[in-house]
N, C-alpha and C. Protein backbone atom coordinates (compact mmCIF):
# COMPACT_ATOMS: atom_id res chain seq x y z
N MET A 1 36.26 24.39 -15.13
CA MET A 1 36.19 23.25 -15.03
C MET A 1 34.60 23.29 -15.49
N LYS A 2 34.06 22.10 -16.06
CA LYS A 2 32.29 21.70 -16.39
C LYS A 2 31.38 21.15 -15.92
N ALA A 3 30.18 21.79 -15.30
CA ALA A 3 29.90 21.23 -14.53
C ALA A 3 28.93 19.74 -15.08
N ALA A 4 28.54 19.03 -14.42
CA ALA A 4 27.89 17.71 -15.11
C ALA A 4 27.13 18.01 -14.99
N THR A 5 26.56 17.37 -16.66
CA THR A 5 25.54 17.48 -16.96
C THR A 5 24.40 16.05 -16.30
N ARG A 6 23.63 16.34 -15.84
CA ARG A 6 22.58 15.13 -15.83
C ARG A 6 21.76 14.40 -16.69
N GLN A 7 22.08 13.24 -16.69
CA GLN A 7 21.22 12.00 -17.65
C GLN A 7 19.85 11.48 -16.98
N LYS A 8 19.50 11.95 -18.46
CA LYS A 8 17.85 11.26 -18.08
C LYS A 8 17.75 9.84 -18.74
N PHE A 9 17.01 9.07 -18.23
CA PHE A 9 16.70 7.76 -18.26
C PHE A 9 15.37 7.23 -18.52
N THR A 10 15.15 6.86 -19.95
CA THR A 10 14.14 6.31 -19.69
C THR A 10 12.93 5.20 -19.01
N ALA A 11 11.59 5.42 -18.57
CA ALA A 11 11.21 4.36 -18.04
C ALA A 11 11.52 2.80 -17.79
N GLU A 12 11.53 2.94 -19.14
CA GLU A 12 12.03 1.11 -19.77
C GLU A 12 12.96 1.18 -18.74
N PHE A 13 14.20 1.74 -19.63
CA PHE A 13 15.73 1.22 -19.08
C PHE A 13 15.53 1.33 -17.55
N ARG A 14 15.41 2.20 -17.11
CA ARG A 14 14.89 2.05 -14.84
C ARG A 14 14.69 0.06 -15.20
N GLU A 15 13.65 0.29 -15.69
CA GLU A 15 12.72 -1.06 -15.39
C GLU A 15 13.82 -1.75 -15.40
N GLN A 16 14.34 -1.83 -16.24
CA GLN A 16 15.40 -3.17 -17.07
C GLN A 16 16.53 -3.43 -16.09
N ALA A 17 16.73 -2.51 -15.32
CA ALA A 17 17.71 -1.79 -14.87
C ALA A 17 18.06 -2.75 -13.02
N VAL A 18 16.80 -2.51 -13.07
CA VAL A 18 15.51 -2.53 -11.65
C VAL A 18 15.70 -4.56 -11.21
N LYS A 19 15.38 -4.66 -12.58
CA LYS A 19 15.28 -6.26 -13.00
C LYS A 19 16.53 -7.13 -12.76
N LEU A 20 18.03 -6.53 -13.21
CA LEU A 20 19.00 -6.79 -13.39
C LEU A 20 19.25 -7.53 -11.76
N ILE A 21 18.57 -6.45 -10.66
CA ILE A 21 19.48 -6.46 -9.60
C ILE A 21 17.99 -7.49 -8.86
N THR A 22 17.07 -6.95 -9.16
CA THR A 22 15.93 -8.11 -7.98
C THR A 22 15.36 -9.71 -9.10
N GLU A 23 15.51 -9.77 -10.48
CA GLU A 23 15.57 -11.15 -11.08
C GLU A 23 16.36 -12.00 -11.15
N GLN A 24 17.72 -11.10 -11.81
CA GLN A 24 19.11 -11.84 -11.63
C GLN A 24 20.14 -11.98 -10.63
N GLY A 25 19.30 -11.37 -9.45
CA GLY A 25 19.89 -11.09 -8.48
C GLY A 25 21.57 -10.53 -8.73
N LEU A 26 22.30 -9.65 -9.76
CA LEU A 26 23.37 -8.39 -9.59
C LEU A 26 23.29 -8.27 -8.36
N LYS A 27 24.71 -7.93 -7.83
CA LYS A 27 24.79 -6.54 -7.22
C LYS A 27 24.53 -5.28 -7.32
N ILE A 28 24.19 -4.06 -6.93
CA ILE A 28 23.98 -2.97 -7.27
C ILE A 28 25.34 -2.12 -8.15
N SER A 29 26.41 -2.26 -7.01
CA SER A 29 27.50 -1.81 -8.35
C SER A 29 28.45 -2.53 -9.17
N GLU A 30 27.97 -3.98 -9.14
CA GLU A 30 27.69 -4.57 -10.49
C GLU A 30 27.49 -4.12 -11.85
N ALA A 31 25.75 -4.32 -11.48
CA ALA A 31 24.91 -3.29 -12.68
C ALA A 31 25.14 -2.18 -12.46
N ALA A 32 25.40 -1.09 -11.36
CA ALA A 32 25.58 0.19 -12.20
C ALA A 32 27.07 0.25 -12.73
N ARG A 33 27.99 -1.25 -12.57
CA ARG A 33 29.02 -0.53 -13.20
C ARG A 33 28.86 -0.86 -15.01
N ARG A 34 27.81 -1.74 -15.38
CA ARG A 34 28.02 -2.64 -16.19
C ARG A 34 26.87 -2.15 -17.37
N LEU A 35 26.40 -1.13 -16.43
CA LEU A 35 25.20 -0.21 -17.50
C LEU A 35 25.75 1.33 -17.59
N ASP A 36 26.92 1.52 -16.68
CA ASP A 36 27.64 3.21 -17.23
C ASP A 36 26.97 4.03 -16.20
N ILE A 37 26.19 3.66 -14.62
CA ILE A 37 25.22 4.51 -14.01
C ILE A 37 25.77 4.91 -12.50
N SER A 38 25.36 5.88 -11.62
CA SER A 38 26.08 5.64 -10.43
C SER A 38 25.31 4.41 -9.47
N ASP A 39 26.30 4.42 -8.72
CA ASP A 39 25.39 3.25 -7.42
C ASP A 39 24.43 4.15 -7.14
N LYS A 40 24.28 5.60 -6.37
CA LYS A 40 22.96 5.63 -6.01
C LYS A 40 22.09 6.13 -6.61
N SER A 41 22.26 6.39 -8.18
CA SER A 41 20.79 6.24 -8.82
C SER A 41 20.38 4.84 -8.55
N LEU A 42 21.01 3.41 -8.97
CA LEU A 42 20.25 2.63 -9.01
C LEU A 42 19.86 1.97 -7.56
N SER A 43 21.02 2.38 -6.58
CA SER A 43 20.43 1.95 -5.84
C SER A 43 18.67 2.84 -5.03
N ARG A 44 18.66 3.76 -5.50
CA ARG A 44 17.14 4.75 -5.77
C ARG A 44 15.89 4.13 -5.96
N TRP A 45 16.39 3.91 -7.62
CA TRP A 45 15.81 3.07 -8.41
C TRP A 45 14.83 2.17 -7.74
N VAL A 46 15.95 1.18 -6.90
CA VAL A 46 15.82 -0.10 -6.85
C VAL A 46 14.14 0.04 -5.59
N ILE A 47 14.79 1.07 -4.82
CA ILE A 47 14.24 1.36 -3.61
C ILE A 47 13.09 1.84 -3.75
N ALA A 48 12.56 2.67 -4.75
CA ALA A 48 11.35 3.24 -5.76
C ALA A 48 10.87 1.70 -5.89
N ALA A 49 10.71 1.00 -6.71
CA ALA A 49 10.41 0.23 -7.10
C ALA A 49 10.02 -1.30 -6.22
N LYS A 50 10.52 -0.89 -4.94
CA LYS A 50 10.12 -1.97 -3.81
C LYS A 50 9.22 -1.11 -3.34
N VAL A 51 9.08 -0.01 -2.93
CA VAL A 51 7.89 0.83 -2.29
C VAL A 51 7.00 0.89 -3.31
N GLU A 52 7.15 1.14 -4.71
CA GLU A 52 5.63 0.82 -5.21
C GLU A 52 5.20 0.07 -5.31
N GLN A 53 5.97 -1.89 -5.07
CA GLN A 53 5.44 -2.86 -5.32
C GLN A 53 4.78 -3.21 -3.68
N LEU A 54 5.29 -2.74 -2.75
CA LEU A 54 4.32 -2.51 -1.78
C LEU A 54 3.44 -2.42 -1.46
N ASP A 55 2.97 -1.03 -2.53
CA ASP A 55 1.55 -0.43 -2.37
C ASP A 55 0.55 -1.17 -2.91
N LYS A 56 1.20 -1.80 -3.87
CA LYS A 56 0.27 -2.74 -4.76
C LYS A 56 -0.32 -4.35 -3.88
N VAL A 57 0.29 -4.41 -2.75
CA VAL A 57 0.31 -5.75 -1.59
C VAL A 57 -1.40 -5.00 -1.09
N ASP A 58 -2.39 -6.06 -0.42
CA ASP A 58 -3.22 -5.56 -0.32
C ASP A 58 -2.88 -6.22 1.07
N THR A 59 -2.59 -5.28 2.42
CA THR A 59 -1.96 -5.98 3.48
C THR A 59 -3.69 -6.72 4.19
N LYS A 60 -4.29 -6.24 3.82
CA LYS A 60 -5.34 -6.77 4.68
C LYS A 60 -5.34 -8.68 4.24
N ARG A 61 -5.23 -8.77 2.60
CA ARG A 61 -4.79 -9.89 2.36
C ARG A 61 -4.67 -10.85 3.12
N LEU A 62 -3.27 -10.58 3.92
CA LEU A 62 -2.00 -11.15 3.58
C LEU A 62 -1.67 -12.14 4.87
N VAL A 63 -3.13 -12.19 5.93
CA VAL A 63 -3.08 -12.97 7.31
C VAL A 63 -4.43 -13.48 7.05
N PRO A 64 -4.08 -15.36 6.85
CA PRO A 64 -5.21 -16.12 6.08
C PRO A 64 -6.19 -15.91 7.31
N VAL A 65 -7.67 -15.74 6.69
CA VAL A 65 -8.65 -15.86 8.14
C VAL A 65 -9.44 -17.32 7.48
N SER A 66 -9.59 -17.67 8.37
CA SER A 66 -11.01 -19.07 8.09
C SER A 66 -12.29 -18.35 7.89
N ALA A 67 -12.96 -19.51 7.50
CA ALA A 67 -14.48 -19.14 7.49
C ALA A 67 -15.56 -18.55 9.01
N LEU A 68 -15.15 -19.01 10.05
CA LEU A 68 -15.19 -18.59 11.28
C LEU A 68 -15.03 -17.15 11.63
N GLU A 69 -13.86 -16.91 11.75
CA GLU A 69 -13.14 -15.64 11.67
C GLU A 69 -13.97 -14.28 10.70
N ALA A 70 -14.56 -14.84 9.56
CA ALA A 70 -14.91 -13.85 8.91
C ALA A 70 -15.88 -13.87 9.20
N GLU A 71 -17.06 -14.73 9.76
CA GLU A 71 -18.49 -14.29 9.66
C GLU A 71 -18.56 -13.89 11.23
N VAL A 72 -17.87 -14.17 12.23
CA VAL A 72 -17.48 -13.31 13.27
C VAL A 72 -17.38 -11.58 12.91
N SER A 73 -16.39 -11.34 12.27
CA SER A 73 -16.04 -9.94 11.91
C SER A 73 -16.95 -9.14 11.24
N LYS A 74 -17.45 -10.39 10.46
CA LYS A 74 -18.93 -9.61 10.03
C LYS A 74 -20.20 -9.07 10.82
N LEU A 75 -20.13 -10.29 11.78
CA LEU A 75 -21.44 -10.05 12.81
C LEU A 75 -21.11 -8.97 14.02
N ARG A 76 -20.33 -8.39 13.97
CA ARG A 76 -19.68 -7.73 14.50
C ARG A 76 -20.06 -6.51 14.04
N LYS A 77 -19.86 -6.42 12.79
CA LYS A 77 -19.90 -5.01 12.08
C LYS A 77 -21.58 -4.79 12.03
N GLU A 78 -22.09 -5.80 11.99
CA GLU A 78 -23.50 -5.74 12.12
C GLU A 78 -24.13 -5.74 13.23
N ASN A 79 -23.38 -5.87 14.23
CA ASN A 79 -23.99 -5.95 15.65
C ASN A 79 -23.44 -4.25 16.36
N ALA A 80 -22.56 -3.53 16.07
CA ALA A 80 -22.22 -2.41 16.10
C ALA A 80 -23.25 -1.55 15.36
N VAL A 81 -23.63 -1.58 14.00
CA VAL A 81 -24.83 -0.71 13.13
C VAL A 81 -26.13 -0.97 13.94
N LEU A 82 -26.82 -2.13 14.18
CA LEU A 82 -27.87 -2.00 15.16
C LEU A 82 -27.76 -1.57 16.25
N ARG A 83 -26.81 -1.41 17.21
CA ARG A 83 -27.11 -1.03 18.68
C ARG A 83 -27.18 1.11 18.35
N GLU A 84 -26.32 1.52 17.50
CA GLU A 84 -26.12 2.71 16.57
C GLU A 84 -27.85 2.96 16.34
N GLU A 85 -28.41 2.63 15.68
CA GLU A 85 -29.95 2.61 15.11
C GLU A 85 -30.55 2.48 16.12
N ARG A 86 -30.74 1.58 17.33
CA ARG A 86 -30.83 1.44 18.30
C ARG A 86 -31.27 2.61 19.30
N GLU A 87 -29.95 3.22 19.33
CA GLU A 87 -30.27 4.43 20.09
C GLU A 87 -30.46 5.29 19.77
N ILE A 88 -30.71 5.74 18.37
CA ILE A 88 -30.98 6.37 17.93
C ILE A 88 -32.58 6.93 17.51
N LEU A 89 -33.42 5.85 17.57
CA LEU A 89 -34.56 4.91 18.13
C LEU A 89 -35.29 5.38 19.30
N LYS A 90 -33.96 5.49 20.39
CA LYS A 90 -34.26 5.40 21.83
C LYS A 90 -34.23 7.15 21.52
N LYS A 91 -33.36 8.10 20.86
CA LYS A 91 -33.93 9.05 21.38
C LYS A 91 -34.86 9.82 20.67
N ALA A 92 -35.34 9.23 19.12
CA ALA A 92 -36.86 9.75 18.44
C ALA A 92 -37.97 9.36 19.58
N THR A 93 -37.59 8.17 20.37
CA THR A 93 -38.78 7.91 20.93
C THR A 93 -39.49 9.11 21.97
N ALA A 94 -37.86 9.42 22.60
CA ALA A 94 -38.18 10.45 23.74
C ALA A 94 -38.11 11.73 23.64
N PHE A 95 -37.96 12.51 22.22
CA PHE A 95 -38.11 13.50 21.22
C PHE A 95 -39.44 13.43 21.07
N PHE A 96 -40.27 12.38 20.79
CA PHE A 96 -41.97 12.69 20.39
C PHE A 96 -42.58 12.08 21.34
N ALA A 97 -42.04 11.64 22.23
CA ALA A 97 -43.13 11.67 23.58
C ALA A 97 -42.89 13.03 24.50
N LYS A 98 -42.39 13.80 24.43
CA LYS A 98 -41.89 15.24 25.12
C LYS A 98 -43.29 16.14 23.87
N GLU A 99 -43.00 15.78 22.94
CA GLU A 99 -44.15 16.43 21.86
C GLU A 99 -45.33 16.39 22.11
N SER A 100 -45.99 14.97 22.36
CA SER A 100 -47.20 14.94 22.54
C SER A 100 -47.61 15.12 23.54
N ARG A 101 -46.86 15.61 24.70
CA ARG A 101 -47.24 16.32 26.52
C ARG A 101 -47.88 17.04 26.08
C-alpha cells in the first residue's frame, strides 16, 4: 500500500477556492468536490482567510464616536499627563528644598 502524497497548492488556487465559498456561496463540500480536494483542507483555508481578514480590520474604528466623545477622550489623556508632570514637579521641589538647607 502506497502512502498518500501530499498535494501542494499555490496561493492563487487557495484564494480562488475560498472565493467560491465566500463570494459565490457554495458549500464547502460542493466546492471541494468540484476542485477535487478534501473538505478539511478547504475548510482550513476558509478559516485562515477569515482570520486574516479580521486581522486587517481596525477594531477601534468599528464603534462610531461623536465629536464630543472624542474630545472628552483627548482631554482625559491630556489630564493624566498633566497630573503626572505635576507629581514629578512636586518631587523635584522637595528634593531641591532638602539640598538648599
